[in-house]
Amino acid sequence: MNRIIFAACLVIFSNWCAAQDVFYLTADRVFDGEQMQKDWAVLVQDGKIIQAGPKSQVKQPTGSS
């Protein structure tokens, strides 16, 4: 019985952690590697930048932090 409860908790925790892997970041300025940009957003998933650009073009995904 304890193994079933442990397995259920592990599945719930894994799903919760997976939902936290997407971050929508905004700042006053973002350095794009060449120059400072104003009103930009950065989308990070699984520790990697997957999109960066003007806030109007980088939409915040549902469930992101």
N, C-alpha and C. Protein backbone atom coordinates (compact mmCIF):
# COMPACT_ATOMS: atom_id res chain seq x y z
N MET A 1 0.82 -1.19 0.00
CA MET A 1 0.00 0.00 0.00
C MET A 1 0.87 1.26 0.00
N ASN A 2 1.97 1.23 0.77
CA ASN A 2 2.86 2.39 0.81
C ASN A 2 3.49 2.66 -0.55
N ARG A 3 3.78 1.61 -1.30
CA ARG A 3 4.37 1.78 -2.62
C ARG A 3 3.39 2.46 -3.58
N ILE A 4 2.12 2.12 -3.46
CA ILE A 4 1.11 2.74 -4.32
C ILE A 4 0.98 4.23 -4.00
N ILE A 5 0.96 4.55 -2.73
CA ILE A 5 0.87 5.96 -2.31
C ILE A 5 2.12 6.71 -2.77
N PHE A 6 3.29 6.10 -2.60
CA PHE A 6 4.53 6.73 -3.04
C PHE A 6 4.51 6.95 -4.55
N ALA A 7 4.07 5.96 -5.31
CA ALA A 7 4.02 6.08 -6.77
C ALA A 7 3.06 7.19 -7.19
N ALA A 8 1.91 7.27 -6.52
CA ALA A 8 0.94 8.31 -6.84
C ALA A 8 1.52 9.69 -6.55
N CYS A 9 2.19 9.83 -5.42
CA CYS A 9 2.82 11.11 -5.08
C CYS A 9 3.90 11.47 -6.08
N LEU A 10 4.66 10.49 -6.52
CA LEU A 10 5.72 10.73 -7.49
C LEU A 10 5.14 11.22 -8.81
N VAL A 11 4.06 10.62 -9.26
CA VAL A 11 3.42 11.04 -10.51
C VAL A 11 2.88 12.46 -10.38
N ILE A 12 2.23 12.76 -9.27
CA ILE A 12 1.69 14.11 -9.06
C ILE A 12 2.82 15.13 -9.01
N PHE A 13 3.89 14.82 -8.28
CA PHE A 13 5.02 15.74 -8.17
C PHE A 13 5.69 15.93 -9.53
N SER A 14 5.83 14.88 -10.30
CA SER A 14 6.46 14.97 -11.62
C SER A 14 5.66 15.88 -12.54
N ASN A 15 4.34 15.74 -12.50
CA ASN A 15 3.49 16.59 -13.33
C ASN A 15 3.57 18.04 -12.89
N TRP A 16 3.64 18.27 -11.59
CA TRP A 16 3.74 19.62 -11.08
C TRP A 16 5.06 20.25 -11.51
N CYS A 17 6.14 19.49 -11.42
CA CYS A 17 7.45 20.01 -11.82
C CYS A 17 7.50 20.30 -13.31
N ALA A 18 6.90 19.43 -14.10
CA ALA A 18 6.90 19.63 -15.55
C ALA A 18 6.16 20.91 -15.91
N ALA A 19 5.12 21.23 -15.18
CA ALA A 19 4.36 22.44 -15.46
C ALA A 19 5.16 23.70 -15.11
N GLN A 20 6.16 23.58 -14.26
CA GLN A 20 6.96 24.71 -13.83
C GLN A 20 8.18 24.96 -14.72
N ASP A 21 8.33 24.21 -15.79
CA ASP A 21 9.52 24.30 -16.62
C ASP A 21 9.45 25.38 -17.68
N VAL A 22 8.37 26.14 -17.74
CA VAL A 22 8.24 27.21 -18.72
C VAL A 22 8.17 28.54 -17.98
N PHE A 23 9.08 29.43 -18.32
CA PHE A 23 9.13 30.73 -17.67
C PHE A 23 9.05 31.84 -18.72
N TYR A 24 8.20 32.80 -18.45
CA TYR A 24 8.04 33.99 -19.30
C TYR A 24 8.68 35.14 -18.55
N LEU A 25 9.78 35.65 -19.06
CA LEU A 25 10.54 36.68 -18.36
C LEU A 25 10.43 38.01 -19.09
N THR A 26 10.23 39.07 -18.33
CA THR A 26 10.25 40.41 -18.89
C THR A 26 11.16 41.27 -18.03
N ALA A 27 11.71 42.27 -18.65
CA ALA A 27 12.60 43.20 -17.94
C ALA A 27 12.53 44.54 -18.63
N ASP A 28 13.06 45.55 -17.96
CA ASP A 28 13.10 46.88 -18.56
C ASP A 28 13.92 46.86 -19.84
N ARG A 29 15.04 46.13 -19.78
CA ARG A 29 15.91 45.99 -20.96
C ARG A 29 16.45 44.56 -21.02
N VAL A 30 16.64 44.08 -22.25
CA VAL A 30 17.20 42.75 -22.48
C VAL A 30 18.35 42.90 -23.47
N PHE A 31 19.50 42.30 -23.15
CA PHE A 31 20.65 42.32 -24.05
C PHE A 31 20.53 41.13 -24.98
N ASP A 32 20.49 41.37 -26.28
CA ASP A 32 20.29 40.29 -27.26
C ASP A 32 21.59 39.73 -27.82
N GLY A 33 22.70 40.13 -27.25
CA GLY A 33 24.00 39.66 -27.72
C GLY A 33 24.71 40.72 -28.54
N GLU A 34 23.96 41.71 -29.00
CA GLU A 34 24.55 42.80 -29.77
C GLU A 34 24.22 44.17 -29.18
N GLN A 35 22.98 44.34 -28.73
CA GLN A 35 22.58 45.63 -28.18
C GLN A 35 21.45 45.45 -27.17
N MET A 36 21.19 46.52 -26.41
CA MET A 36 20.11 46.49 -25.44
C MET A 36 18.78 46.71 -26.15
N GLN A 37 17.78 45.93 -25.77
CA GLN A 37 16.45 46.04 -26.35
C GLN A 37 15.45 46.43 -25.26
N LYS A 38 14.52 47.31 -25.58
CA LYS A 38 13.48 47.71 -24.63
C LYS A 38 12.19 46.95 -24.93
N ASP A 39 11.43 46.68 -23.87
CA ASP A 39 10.11 46.03 -23.98
C ASP A 39 10.19 44.66 -24.65
N TRP A 40 11.17 43.88 -24.26
CA TRP A 40 11.30 42.53 -24.78
C TRP A 40 10.89 41.52 -23.71
N ALA A 41 10.60 40.31 -24.17
CA ALA A 41 10.29 39.18 -23.30
C ALA A 41 11.16 38.01 -23.72
N VAL A 42 11.40 37.12 -22.77
CA VAL A 42 12.20 35.92 -23.03
C VAL A 42 11.41 34.72 -22.53
N LEU A 43 11.29 33.70 -23.37
CA LEU A 43 10.59 32.48 -23.01
C LEU A 43 11.62 31.38 -22.81
N VAL A 44 11.64 30.80 -21.59
CA VAL A 44 12.62 29.77 -21.23
C VAL A 44 11.88 28.48 -20.94
N GLN A 45 12.31 27.40 -21.57
CA GLN A 45 11.70 26.09 -21.33
C GLN A 45 12.81 25.07 -21.08
N ASP A 46 12.67 24.32 -20.01
CA ASP A 46 13.66 23.31 -19.63
C ASP A 46 15.07 23.88 -19.55
N GLY A 47 15.18 25.11 -19.06
CA GLY A 47 16.48 25.73 -18.87
C GLY A 47 17.11 26.31 -20.12
N LYS A 48 16.35 26.36 -21.24
CA LYS A 48 16.89 26.88 -22.49
C LYS A 48 15.99 27.99 -23.01
N ILE A 49 16.62 29.02 -23.56
CA ILE A 49 15.85 30.10 -24.18
C ILE A 49 15.30 29.57 -25.49
N ILE A 50 13.97 29.59 -25.61
CA ILE A 50 13.36 29.11 -26.85
C ILE A 50 12.82 30.23 -27.71
N GLN A 51 12.64 31.42 -27.12
CA GLN A 51 12.17 32.56 -27.89
C GLN A 51 12.51 33.85 -27.14
N ALA A 52 12.88 34.86 -27.89
CA ALA A 52 13.12 36.18 -27.32
C ALA A 52 12.75 37.20 -28.37
N GLY A 53 12.16 38.30 -27.93
CA GLY A 53 11.79 39.35 -28.87
C GLY A 53 10.85 40.33 -28.22
N PRO A 54 10.29 41.24 -29.02
CA PRO A 54 9.36 42.22 -28.48
C PRO A 54 8.18 41.53 -27.79
N LYS A 55 7.70 42.14 -26.70
CA LYS A 55 6.60 41.54 -25.95
C LYS A 55 5.38 41.28 -26.83
N SER A 56 5.19 42.09 -27.84
CA SER A 56 4.04 41.91 -28.73
C SER A 56 4.17 40.64 -29.57
N GLN A 57 5.39 40.11 -29.73
CA GLN A 57 5.60 38.91 -30.54
C GLN A 57 5.82 37.65 -29.71
N VAL A 58 6.24 37.80 -28.45
CA VAL A 58 6.48 36.65 -27.57
C VAL A 58 5.30 36.56 -26.61
N LYS A 59 4.40 35.66 -26.87
CA LYS A 59 3.19 35.53 -26.05
C LYS A 59 3.46 34.64 -24.84
N GLN A 60 2.85 34.99 -23.72
CA GLN A 60 3.01 34.21 -22.49
C GLN A 60 2.15 32.96 -22.58
N PRO A 61 2.78 31.77 -22.53
CA PRO A 61 2.00 30.52 -22.59
C PRO A 61 1.17 30.32 -21.33
N THR A 62 0.06 29.65 -21.47
CA THR A 62 -0.77 29.31 -20.33
C THR A 62 0.02 28.41 -19.38
N GLY A 63 -0.02 28.71 -18.12
CA GLY A 63 0.65 27.91 -17.11
C GLY A 63 2.11 28.25 -16.89
N SER A 64 2.61 29.26 -17.59
CA SER A 64 4.02 29.64 -17.37
C SER A 64 4.12 30.52 -16.15
N SER A 65 5.32 30.59 -15.60
CA SER A 65 5.58 31.41 -14.42
C SER A 65 6.06 32.77 -14.82
